[in-house]
Amino acid sequence: MPTSTLNAADREFLSALGDVVFGNPFSAQRAAAIVRMAPGALFGDLTRDREALARIVAPRIAPLLEDDAAGFRRLNAEDRRVAEPAIFYVSYHSYVPALDALIERQAKGGASLPLPFAEEAIAALVNRAIPEERALHIFSLFFQLRRAFYFIHRSLAGECESMRRLREALWNNVFTHDMRGYEAALWERMEDFSTLLLGETGTGKGQAAAAIGRSSFIPYLVGERRFAANFAESFIATNLSQFPETLIESELFGHRKGAFTGAIDHHEGVFGRCNAHGALFLDEIGEVSIPVQIKLLQVLQERTFTPLGGREKQRFSGRVIAATNRPLAELRREARFREDFFYRLCSDVIEVPTLRQRIAESAAELEPLVGLLVSRIAGREDKKVAALVLEALHRDLPRDYAWPGNVRELEQAVRRVLLTGAYRPELASPASHDAEERLIARLRAGELSADALLSGYSAMLYDRLGSYAAVAERTQLDPRTSRKYVLSAKSG
């Protein structure tokens, strides 16, 4: 029977620790809370924060954990509630190395093998007076927390303020702004929360979507000694702009043999392939037609879909993440993006910052990005190579270079430096300059039709930016239309 209570100082300390344990690791509020609790912490330095906090927490909660957590068991119900996050804190950090190893193995394509440490971790929670069913749930949450931190922290390099805000927004998207409420109830309701990512081409919307999609809650199956799904297989991404209008529905919902000319076999669409613990990323959602938007809206409302040529409805239980580089306000104003569809997608709207914005906030922003890109390309971290790449970029580019292709351009710049030792963007050629002068002269003379003006301007942008997508974004035209104008100017 409970026989003891916490003193006022311990209750205050454990309450503050609970706010840290359930806080967003990328938020300024949590960083400030850690600094208040552990004066040796360095505001915003996640590694220093964790180490400084551990030195403070361990001796303060030791009495609760002595003799198989006898001190915790003696507390009354209210004080147990206050002290419970301390139990979670100690247990979680005991298994971080094992969880990281599992994440890295699965990220490389490893199977969901039996986990030798899982029974020990669950038993440790039970021995610390956590009911067995809750201990199982908390262990599954440990795995989710570690995956979310792994993908949000490691996959999105950059230390500027806009990147901190992006990480904070992604964490809230996974766990909500109130992790206590998430842990209590919302963990099994997240499929009801769709997400819309906005940002220019090449900013990293796919990486942001993957960080969300690979961080879903996956329950641990005690009888099979493994998690219910492999997170690496639970995130499915598709770029809708790469499919002709006639094939988009088949890609999304699948089709049955004979559903249309050329359907010689059954095909399972991305909604069918996405499991209950996964997420579906629909990139370039701004390019889909109104009829397809209506069908997607029905899936989001009813959580069911029917393959083309089929009759039986299938259940969809995953999350939907969508992205576009088009100005949504304009699409909605022109009735090219349905209002009801937008409001079904916008449970959360997250904007991914451009590379030029990030560099404007911090001149050192290229350093972690180049380091991450070098490690991805080379397969291992190499600080010397990263330093050489940075030196070449600083040497070859003007200080105010705008990086029109964003992070995607930077990745190719790193590859080019590794191959050739230099990076010089494809700036306008003399012929392009002459074409621009002719365009300006005809414009001043009033000789251009609207089509000729758009064609010439689109071709000029294409020479400068290097892609049809970038031209579409700058002109706010449909990508197919901007491509038509560029080709028209080039052929003329």
Protein backbone atom coordinates (compact mmCIF):
# COMPACT_ATOMS: atom_id res chain seq x y z
CA MET A 1 0.00 0.00 0.00
CA PRO A 2 1.26 3.56 -0.68
CA THR A 3 2.87 4.93 2.45
CA SER A 4 4.89 7.97 1.38
CA THR A 5 4.64 11.23 -0.45
CA LEU A 6 7.11 13.42 -2.26
CA ASN A 7 8.41 16.51 -0.56
CA ALA A 8 7.73 19.88 -2.20
CA ALA A 9 11.20 20.19 -3.74
CA ASP A 10 11.11 16.71 -5.30
CA ARG A 11 7.60 17.26 -6.59
CA GLU A 12 8.65 20.52 -8.24
CA PHE A 13 11.74 18.89 -9.77
CA LEU A 14 9.82 15.87 -11.10
CA SER A 15 7.06 18.08 -12.51
CA ALA A 16 9.68 20.11 -14.39
CA LEU A 17 11.30 16.87 -15.63
CA GLY A 18 7.91 15.70 -16.89
CA ASP A 19 7.60 18.86 -18.98
CA VAL A 20 11.02 18.08 -20.49
CA VAL A 21 10.27 14.39 -21.09
CA PHE A 22 7.01 15.19 -22.87
CA GLY A 23 8.32 18.34 -24.54
CA ASN A 24 9.29 18.96 -28.16
CA PRO A 25 13.10 18.47 -28.31
CA PHE A 26 13.37 21.16 -31.00
CA SER A 27 11.37 23.82 -29.18
CA ALA A 28 12.88 26.86 -27.50
CA GLN A 29 10.62 26.24 -24.48
CA ARG A 30 12.07 22.80 -23.80
CA ALA A 31 15.64 24.04 -24.26
CA ALA A 32 14.98 26.82 -21.75
CA ALA A 33 13.44 24.34 -19.29
CA ILE A 34 16.56 22.15 -19.45
CA VAL A 35 18.83 25.13 -18.87
CA ARG A 36 16.78 26.03 -15.78
CA MET A 37 17.01 22.49 -14.43
CA ALA A 38 20.62 21.85 -15.41
CA PRO A 39 22.75 25.02 -15.41
CA GLY A 40 25.54 23.18 -17.27
CA ALA A 41 23.37 22.79 -20.35
CA LEU A 42 24.02 24.87 -23.46
CA PHE A 43 20.82 26.38 -24.83
CA GLY A 44 19.74 24.45 -27.93
CA ASP A 45 22.72 22.03 -27.99
CA LEU A 46 20.88 18.70 -27.89
CA THR A 47 23.89 16.59 -26.95
CA ARG A 48 25.07 18.94 -24.20
CA ASP A 49 21.49 19.32 -22.98
CA ARG A 50 21.05 15.57 -22.61
CA GLU A 51 24.38 15.06 -20.85
CA ALA A 52 23.85 17.95 -18.44
CA LEU A 53 20.33 16.83 -17.59
CA ALA A 54 21.42 13.23 -17.01
CA ARG A 55 23.96 14.36 -14.41
CA ILE A 56 21.19 16.15 -12.51
CA VAL A 57 18.43 13.55 -12.88
CA ALA A 58 20.31 10.39 -11.88
CA PRO A 59 21.01 11.27 -8.22
CA ARG A 60 17.62 12.95 -7.72
CA ILE A 61 15.58 9.91 -8.73
CA ALA A 62 17.92 7.20 -7.36
CA PRO A 63 15.83 6.75 -4.17
CA LEU A 64 12.77 5.95 -6.26
CA LEU A 65 14.57 3.16 -8.10
CA GLU A 66 16.27 1.41 -5.21
CA ASP A 67 15.23 -2.19 -4.39
CA ASP A 68 13.31 -2.74 -7.65
CA ALA A 69 11.66 0.67 -7.55
CA ALA A 70 10.32 0.13 -4.04
CA GLY A 71 10.43 3.88 -3.44
CA PHE A 72 8.20 4.47 -6.48
CA ARG A 73 5.74 1.79 -5.35
CA ARG A 74 5.34 3.40 -1.95
CA LEU A 75 4.16 6.71 -3.44
CA ASN A 76 0.49 7.65 -3.45
CA ALA A 77 -1.36 7.76 -6.78
CA GLU A 78 -0.89 11.48 -7.41
CA ASP A 79 2.83 11.41 -6.66
CA ARG A 80 3.25 8.32 -8.83
CA ARG A 81 1.74 10.29 -11.70
CA VAL A 82 4.23 13.10 -11.08
CA ALA A 83 7.20 10.70 -10.82
CA GLU A 84 6.26 8.41 -13.73
CA PRO A 85 8.05 10.51 -16.42
CA ALA A 86 11.30 10.01 -14.48
CA ILE A 87 10.85 6.23 -14.87
CA PHE A 88 10.28 6.69 -18.58
CA TYR A 89 13.33 8.97 -18.86
CA VAL A 90 15.69 6.43 -17.26
CA SER A 91 14.26 3.46 -19.16
CA TYR A 92 14.31 5.22 -22.53
CA HIS A 93 17.92 6.32 -22.31
CA SER A 94 18.97 2.83 -21.25
CA TYR A 95 17.91 1.47 -24.63
CA VAL A 96 18.77 4.33 -26.99
CA PRO A 97 21.85 2.53 -28.44
CA ALA A 98 19.85 -0.65 -29.13
CA LEU A 99 16.99 1.32 -30.69
CA ASP A 100 19.41 3.30 -32.87
CA ALA A 101 20.99 0.07 -34.10
CA LEU A 102 17.54 -1.28 -35.00
CA ILE A 103 16.64 1.93 -36.85
CA GLU A 104 19.85 1.91 -38.86
CA ARG A 105 19.42 -1.76 -39.74
CA GLN A 106 15.85 -1.28 -40.95
CA ALA A 107 16.73 1.94 -42.77
CA LYS A 108 19.24 -0.08 -44.80
CA GLY A 109 16.58 -2.64 -45.73
CA GLY A 110 16.97 -5.08 -42.85
CA ALA A 111 14.02 -7.25 -41.89
CA SER A 112 11.94 -6.90 -38.70
CA LEU A 113 13.82 -9.64 -36.84
CA PRO A 114 13.06 -10.73 -33.25
CA LEU A 115 14.47 -8.18 -30.81
CA PRO A 116 16.53 -9.70 -27.99
CA PHE A 117 16.43 -6.51 -25.92
CA ALA A 118 12.66 -5.91 -26.12
CA GLU A 119 11.63 -8.36 -23.38
CA GLU A 120 14.30 -6.94 -21.09
CA ALA A 121 13.16 -3.35 -21.72
CA ILE A 122 9.48 -4.18 -21.11
CA ALA A 123 10.36 -6.19 -17.99
CA ALA A 124 12.40 -3.24 -16.67
CA LEU A 125 9.33 -1.01 -16.94
CA VAL A 126 7.15 -3.62 -15.23
CA ASN A 127 9.71 -3.99 -12.43
CA ARG A 128 9.46 -0.22 -11.96
CA ALA A 129 5.76 -0.55 -11.19
CA ILE A 130 4.44 0.20 -14.70
CA PRO A 131 1.48 -2.11 -15.53
CA GLU A 132 2.38 -4.66 -18.18
CA GLU A 133 -0.03 -3.43 -20.87
CA ARG A 134 1.12 0.13 -20.38
CA ALA A 135 4.77 -0.98 -20.38
CA LEU A 136 4.24 -2.59 -23.78
CA HIS A 137 2.69 0.61 -25.09
CA ILE A 138 5.49 2.76 -23.65
CA PHE A 139 8.15 0.54 -25.23
CA SER A 140 6.47 1.00 -28.63
CA LEU A 141 6.45 4.73 -27.96
CA PHE A 142 10.20 4.61 -27.19
CA PHE A 143 10.79 3.21 -30.68
CA GLN A 144 8.63 5.90 -32.24
CA LEU A 145 10.37 8.69 -30.31
CA ARG A 146 13.78 7.49 -31.35
CA ARG A 147 12.78 7.17 -35.02
CA ALA A 148 11.27 10.65 -35.05
CA PHE A 149 14.40 12.14 -33.53
CA TYR A 150 16.62 10.15 -35.90
CA PHE A 151 14.86 11.30 -39.07
CA ILE A 152 13.98 14.85 -38.07
CA HIS A 153 17.38 15.61 -36.54
CA ARG A 154 19.72 13.67 -38.81
CA SER A 155 17.97 13.85 -42.17
CA LEU A 156 17.34 17.59 -42.16
CA ALA A 157 20.69 19.32 -41.78
CA GLY A 158 20.92 23.00 -40.96
CA GLU A 159 21.05 25.10 -37.81
CA CYS A 160 19.34 28.35 -38.83
CA GLU A 161 16.15 29.51 -37.15
CA SER A 162 13.85 28.51 -40.02
CA MET A 163 15.20 24.95 -39.87
CA ARG A 164 14.70 24.83 -36.10
CA ARG A 165 11.10 25.90 -36.66
CA LEU A 166 10.71 23.27 -39.37
CA ARG A 167 11.97 20.51 -37.05
CA GLU A 168 9.69 21.74 -34.28
CA ALA A 169 6.72 21.70 -36.68
CA LEU A 170 7.54 18.18 -37.91
CA TRP A 171 7.80 16.86 -34.34
CA ASN A 172 4.43 18.40 -33.46
CA ASN A 173 3.01 16.85 -36.62
CA VAL A 174 4.04 13.40 -35.39
CA PHE A 175 3.23 13.75 -31.66
CA THR A 176 0.93 16.83 -31.57
CA HIS A 177 1.84 19.86 -29.47
CA ASP A 178 0.78 17.96 -26.31
CA MET A 179 2.62 14.66 -26.11
CA ARG A 180 0.78 13.70 -22.94
CA GLY A 181 -2.49 13.85 -24.84
CA TYR A 182 -0.90 11.98 -27.74
CA GLU A 183 0.37 9.19 -25.49
CA ALA A 184 -2.98 8.88 -23.75
CA ALA A 185 -5.27 8.76 -26.79
CA LEU A 186 -4.26 10.31 -30.11
CA TRP A 187 -1.49 7.82 -30.95
CA GLU A 188 -4.08 5.57 -32.64
CA ARG A 189 -5.99 8.40 -34.33
CA MET A 190 -3.26 10.11 -36.37
CA GLU A 191 -4.58 8.84 -39.70
CA ASP A 192 -7.27 11.52 -39.32
CA PHE A 193 -4.64 14.28 -39.52
CA SER A 194 -3.55 15.04 -43.10
CA THR A 195 -0.58 17.29 -43.79
CA LEU A 196 0.20 19.76 -46.56
CA LEU A 197 3.83 20.72 -47.23
CA LEU A 198 4.56 23.91 -49.15
CA GLY A 199 7.83 25.11 -50.63
CA GLU A 200 9.78 25.78 -53.79
CA THR A 201 11.11 22.99 -55.96
CA GLY A 202 14.18 21.36 -54.44
CA THR A 203 13.76 22.65 -50.88
CA GLY A 204 13.47 19.17 -49.36
CA LYS A 205 9.73 18.58 -49.06
CA GLY A 206 10.32 14.89 -49.74
CA GLN A 207 12.76 14.62 -46.83
CA ALA A 208 10.29 16.39 -44.55
CA ALA A 209 7.50 14.04 -45.65
CA ALA A 210 9.72 11.00 -45.09
CA ALA A 211 10.57 12.20 -41.58
CA ILE A 212 6.84 12.26 -40.77
CA GLY A 213 6.00 9.04 -42.59
CA ARG A 214 8.78 6.97 -41.03
CA SER A 215 7.92 8.15 -37.51
CA SER A 216 4.44 6.68 -37.08
CA PHE A 217 3.46 4.61 -34.05
CA ILE A 218 4.13 0.91 -34.66
CA PRO A 219 3.01 -1.50 -31.90
CA TYR A 220 5.30 -4.20 -30.57
CA LEU A 221 3.97 -7.76 -31.02
CA VAL A 222 4.94 -9.71 -27.92
CA GLY A 223 4.07 -13.12 -29.36
CA GLU A 224 6.22 -12.56 -32.46
CA ARG A 225 8.94 -10.59 -30.62
CA ARG A 226 9.00 -7.89 -33.27
CA PHE A 227 7.29 -4.65 -34.27
CA ALA A 228 4.14 -4.95 -36.37
CA ALA A 229 5.71 -3.27 -39.43
CA ASN A 230 9.05 -2.21 -40.85
CA PHE A 231 9.02 1.60 -40.92
CA ALA A 232 11.26 1.60 -44.01
CA GLU A 233 8.45 -0.11 -45.96
CA SER A 234 5.62 1.92 -44.41
CA PHE A 235 6.34 5.19 -46.20
CA ILE A 236 5.27 5.35 -49.86
CA ALA A 237 5.98 8.38 -52.04
CA THR A 238 4.63 9.13 -55.49
CA ASN A 239 5.04 12.19 -57.71
CA LEU A 240 1.70 12.82 -59.36
CA SER A 241 3.09 15.14 -62.04
CA GLN A 242 4.98 12.29 -63.69
CA PHE A 243 1.81 10.40 -64.65
CA PRO A 244 -0.46 11.23 -67.59
CA GLU A 245 -3.98 12.20 -66.54
CA THR A 246 -5.30 8.85 -67.78
CA LEU A 247 -3.02 6.85 -65.47
CA ILE A 248 -3.15 8.88 -62.23
CA GLU A 249 -6.24 7.08 -60.90
CA SER A 250 -4.66 3.70 -61.60
CA GLU A 251 -1.48 4.76 -59.78
CA LEU A 252 -3.49 5.95 -56.80
CA PHE A 253 -6.24 3.35 -56.50
CA GLY A 254 -5.06 0.46 -58.66
CA HIS A 255 -7.05 -1.36 -61.32
CA ARG A 256 -8.44 -4.77 -62.14
CA LYS A 257 -7.56 -6.75 -65.23
CA GLY A 258 -9.59 -5.50 -68.19
CA ALA A 259 -10.58 -2.24 -66.52
CA PHE A 260 -9.35 -0.34 -69.58
CA THR A 261 -7.40 -0.94 -72.77
CA GLY A 262 -3.94 -2.11 -71.78
CA ALA A 263 -4.93 -3.33 -68.29
CA ILE A 264 -3.66 -6.86 -68.89
CA ASP A 265 -3.26 -7.68 -65.20
CA HIS A 266 -4.31 -6.55 -61.74
CA HIS A 267 -2.39 -3.53 -60.40
CA GLU A 268 -2.30 -2.40 -56.79
CA GLY A 269 -2.18 1.36 -56.36
CA VAL A 270 -0.35 3.30 -53.68
CA PHE A 271 -3.41 3.46 -51.41
CA GLY A 272 -3.60 -0.32 -51.46
CA ARG A 273 0.11 -0.76 -50.78
CA CYS A 274 0.15 1.59 -47.76
CA ASN A 275 -0.22 -0.34 -44.50
CA ALA A 276 -2.16 0.75 -41.41
CA HIS A 277 1.02 2.00 -39.71
CA GLY A 278 2.30 3.89 -42.74
CA ALA A 279 1.94 7.13 -44.62
CA LEU A 280 1.36 8.03 -48.26
CA PHE A 281 3.17 11.04 -49.74
CA LEU A 282 1.44 12.65 -52.73
CA ASP A 283 3.91 15.06 -54.25
CA GLU A 284 2.83 17.81 -56.67
CA ILE A 285 -0.78 17.60 -55.47
CA GLY A 286 -1.40 20.95 -57.14
CA GLU A 287 -1.13 19.32 -60.56
CA VAL A 288 -4.03 16.87 -60.27
CA SER A 289 -7.32 17.53 -62.03
CA ILE A 290 -10.58 18.39 -60.31
CA PRO A 291 -12.08 14.89 -60.91
CA VAL A 292 -9.07 13.27 -59.23
CA GLN A 293 -9.29 15.77 -56.37
CA ILE A 294 -12.92 14.73 -55.84
CA LYS A 295 -11.94 11.05 -55.61
CA LEU A 296 -9.09 11.83 -53.23
CA LEU A 297 -11.48 13.87 -51.12
CA GLN A 298 -13.80 10.86 -50.88
CA VAL A 299 -10.93 8.67 -49.70
CA LEU A 300 -9.98 11.19 -47.00
CA GLN A 301 -13.60 11.49 -45.86
CA GLU A 302 -14.66 7.85 -46.00
CA ARG A 303 -11.25 6.13 -45.63
CA THR A 304 -12.22 3.73 -48.42
CA PHE A 305 -11.45 3.45 -52.14
CA THR A 306 -12.29 1.18 -55.05
CA PRO A 307 -9.76 0.10 -57.74
CA LEU A 308 -10.70 0.91 -61.33
CA GLY A 309 -12.86 -1.90 -62.69
CA GLY A 310 -13.48 -3.24 -59.19
CA ARG A 311 -16.58 -3.31 -57.03
CA GLU A 312 -15.45 -4.02 -53.48
CA LYS A 313 -14.34 -1.09 -51.37
CA GLN A 314 -10.96 -1.32 -49.68
CA ARG A 315 -10.00 0.30 -46.40
CA PHE A 316 -7.20 2.87 -46.19
CA SER A 317 -5.80 3.37 -42.68
CA GLY A 318 -2.57 5.29 -43.26
CA ARG A 319 -1.81 8.99 -43.10
CA VAL A 320 -1.81 11.27 -46.14
CA ILE A 321 0.96 13.82 -46.66
CA ALA A 322 0.71 16.06 -49.71
CA ALA A 323 3.03 18.69 -51.15
CA THR A 324 3.06 21.34 -53.83
CA ASN A 325 5.43 24.03 -55.06
CA ARG A 326 2.58 25.99 -56.58
CA PRO A 327 1.05 29.07 -54.90
CA LEU A 328 -2.05 27.59 -53.27
CA ALA A 329 -3.83 30.92 -52.99
CA GLU A 330 -3.69 31.34 -56.74
CA LEU A 331 -4.78 27.76 -57.44
CA ARG A 332 -7.77 28.20 -55.14
CA ARG A 333 -8.60 31.62 -56.58
CA GLU A 334 -8.61 30.17 -60.10
CA ALA A 335 -10.78 27.23 -58.94
CA ARG A 336 -8.03 24.75 -59.85
CA PHE A 337 -7.85 23.46 -56.28
CA ARG A 338 -11.15 22.61 -54.60
CA GLU A 339 -11.87 24.37 -51.33
CA ASP A 340 -13.28 21.25 -49.67
CA PHE A 341 -10.23 19.25 -50.78
CA PHE A 342 -7.91 21.89 -49.35
CA TYR A 343 -9.70 21.85 -46.01
CA ARG A 344 -9.40 18.06 -45.85
CA LEU A 345 -5.65 18.27 -46.43
CA CYS A 346 -4.83 21.15 -44.13
CA SER A 347 -4.95 19.61 -40.65
CA ASP A 348 -1.39 20.93 -40.63
CA VAL A 349 0.33 23.17 -43.19
CA ILE A 350 4.12 23.25 -43.00
CA GLU A 351 6.34 25.47 -45.15
CA VAL A 352 9.83 24.22 -46.04
CA PRO A 353 12.26 27.17 -46.28
CA THR A 354 14.31 27.94 -49.38
CA LEU A 355 18.08 27.60 -49.30
CA ARG A 356 18.54 31.32 -49.94
CA GLN A 357 16.36 32.10 -46.91
CA ARG A 358 18.40 29.76 -44.77
CA ILE A 359 21.71 31.25 -45.89
CA ALA A 360 20.36 34.76 -45.31
CA GLU A 361 19.61 33.74 -41.70
CA SER A 362 22.99 32.11 -41.16
CA ALA A 363 26.06 32.37 -43.39
CA ALA A 364 27.27 29.02 -41.96
CA GLU A 365 24.18 27.15 -43.14
CA LEU A 366 26.00 25.48 -46.05
CA GLU A 367 28.44 23.67 -43.76
CA PRO A 368 26.12 21.06 -42.20
CA LEU A 369 24.29 20.65 -45.50
CA VAL A 370 27.45 19.93 -47.46
CA GLY A 371 28.61 17.59 -44.70
CA LEU A 372 25.37 15.61 -44.88
CA LEU A 373 25.40 15.48 -48.69
CA VAL A 374 29.02 14.31 -48.79
CA SER A 375 28.25 11.56 -46.30
CA ARG A 376 25.25 10.42 -48.35
CA ILE A 377 27.20 10.42 -51.60
CA ALA A 378 30.35 8.83 -50.18
CA GLY A 379 28.56 6.45 -47.84
CA ARG A 380 30.43 7.76 -44.79
CA GLU A 381 31.25 11.00 -43.03
CA ASP A 382 34.36 12.71 -44.38
CA LYS A 383 35.06 16.15 -42.93
CA LYS A 384 38.13 16.75 -45.11
CA VAL A 385 36.22 16.15 -48.33
CA ALA A 386 33.34 18.31 -47.09
CA ALA A 387 35.79 21.12 -46.33
CA LEU A 388 37.25 20.90 -49.85
CA VAL A 389 33.76 21.06 -51.38
CA LEU A 390 32.90 24.12 -49.30
CA GLU A 391 36.14 25.80 -50.33
CA ALA A 392 35.31 25.24 -54.01
CA LEU A 393 31.79 26.61 -53.62
CA HIS A 394 32.98 29.73 -51.82
CA ARG A 395 35.64 30.23 -54.50
CA ASP A 396 33.42 29.70 -57.54
CA LEU A 397 30.15 31.37 -56.53
CA PRO A 398 29.31 35.00 -55.77
CA ARG A 399 28.56 35.72 -52.13
CA ASP A 400 24.92 36.50 -52.91
CA TYR A 401 24.32 33.45 -55.13
CA ALA A 402 20.57 32.70 -54.87
CA TRP A 403 20.65 28.88 -55.32
CA PRO A 404 17.57 28.83 -57.60
CA GLY A 405 17.50 25.03 -57.45
CA ASN A 406 17.66 25.02 -53.64
CA VAL A 407 19.04 21.94 -51.85
CA ARG A 408 18.61 19.80 -54.96
CA GLU A 409 20.96 22.13 -56.84
CA LEU A 410 23.40 22.06 -53.93
CA GLU A 411 23.47 18.26 -54.08
CA GLN A 412 24.41 18.35 -57.76
CA ALA A 413 26.94 21.09 -57.04
CA VAL A 414 28.60 18.78 -54.48
CA ARG A 415 28.68 15.97 -57.03
CA ARG A 416 30.19 18.26 -59.67
CA VAL A 417 32.89 19.48 -57.27
CA LEU A 418 33.72 15.87 -56.40
CA LEU A 419 34.01 15.06 -60.11
CA THR A 420 35.68 18.20 -61.49
CA GLY A 421 36.92 20.19 -58.51
CA ALA A 422 34.73 23.19 -59.39
CA TYR A 423 31.13 24.36 -59.65
CA ARG A 424 30.06 27.04 -62.07
CA PRO A 425 26.29 27.30 -62.57
CA GLU A 426 24.91 27.15 -66.06
CA LEU A 427 24.57 30.90 -66.50
CA ALA A 428 23.04 32.40 -69.60
CA SER A 429 25.11 31.88 -72.77
CA PRO A 430 25.91 34.72 -75.23
CA ALA A 431 23.16 33.38 -77.48
CA SER A 432 20.71 33.53 -74.59
CA HIS A 433 21.81 37.08 -73.85
CA ASP A 434 21.17 38.06 -77.48
CA ALA A 435 17.73 36.43 -77.31
CA GLU A 436 16.92 38.44 -74.21
CA GLU A 437 17.98 41.67 -75.90
CA ARG A 438 15.78 40.90 -78.91
CA LEU A 439 12.85 40.11 -76.60
CA ILE A 440 13.27 43.42 -74.77
CA ALA A 441 13.58 45.35 -78.05
CA ARG A 442 10.39 43.81 -79.46
CA LEU A 443 8.61 44.45 -76.15
CA ARG A 444 9.56 48.14 -76.25
CA ALA A 445 8.45 48.35 -79.86
CA GLY A 446 5.06 46.86 -79.00
CA GLU A 447 5.49 44.01 -81.47
CA LEU A 448 4.73 41.05 -79.16
CA SER A 449 1.52 39.10 -78.86
CA ALA A 450 0.66 37.69 -75.44
CA ASP A 451 1.80 34.21 -76.53
CA ALA A 452 5.08 35.52 -77.93
CA LEU A 453 5.76 37.45 -74.73
CA LEU A 454 5.10 34.42 -72.56
CA SER A 455 7.17 32.18 -74.81
CA GLY A 456 10.14 34.53 -74.79
CA TYR A 457 9.98 35.16 -71.06
CA SER A 458 9.62 31.44 -70.29
CA ALA A 459 12.62 30.59 -72.50
CA MET A 460 14.69 33.30 -70.78
CA LEU A 461 13.82 31.85 -67.36
CA TYR A 462 14.58 28.32 -68.55
CA ASP A 463 18.07 29.40 -69.64
CA ARG A 464 18.66 30.93 -66.22
CA LEU A 465 16.97 28.39 -63.94
CA GLY A 466 17.56 25.21 -65.86
CA SER A 467 14.25 23.35 -65.36
CA TYR A 468 10.64 23.50 -66.50
CA ALA A 469 9.47 23.17 -62.87
CA ALA A 470 11.44 26.27 -61.89
CA VAL A 471 9.96 28.18 -64.84
CA ALA A 472 6.46 27.10 -63.82
CA GLU A 473 7.05 28.25 -60.29
CA ARG A 474 8.40 31.65 -61.33
CA THR A 475 5.69 32.30 -63.95
CA GLN A 476 2.93 30.65 -61.89
CA LEU A 477 1.92 28.66 -64.95
CA ASP A 478 1.04 24.99 -65.14
CA PRO A 479 4.30 23.00 -65.72
CA ARG A 480 2.98 21.56 -68.98
CA THR A 481 2.03 25.04 -70.17
CA SER A 482 5.39 26.55 -69.24
CA ARG A 483 7.15 23.70 -71.07
CA LYS A 484 5.02 24.38 -74.15
CA TYR A 485 6.03 28.05 -74.12
CA VAL A 486 9.73 27.24 -73.70
CA LEU A 487 9.69 24.74 -76.57
CA SER A 488 7.74 27.18 -78.71
CA ALA A 489 10.40 29.87 -78.23
CA LYS A 490 13.26 27.43 -78.82
CA SER A 491 11.70 26.10 -82.03
CA GLY A 492 10.96 29.62 -83.27
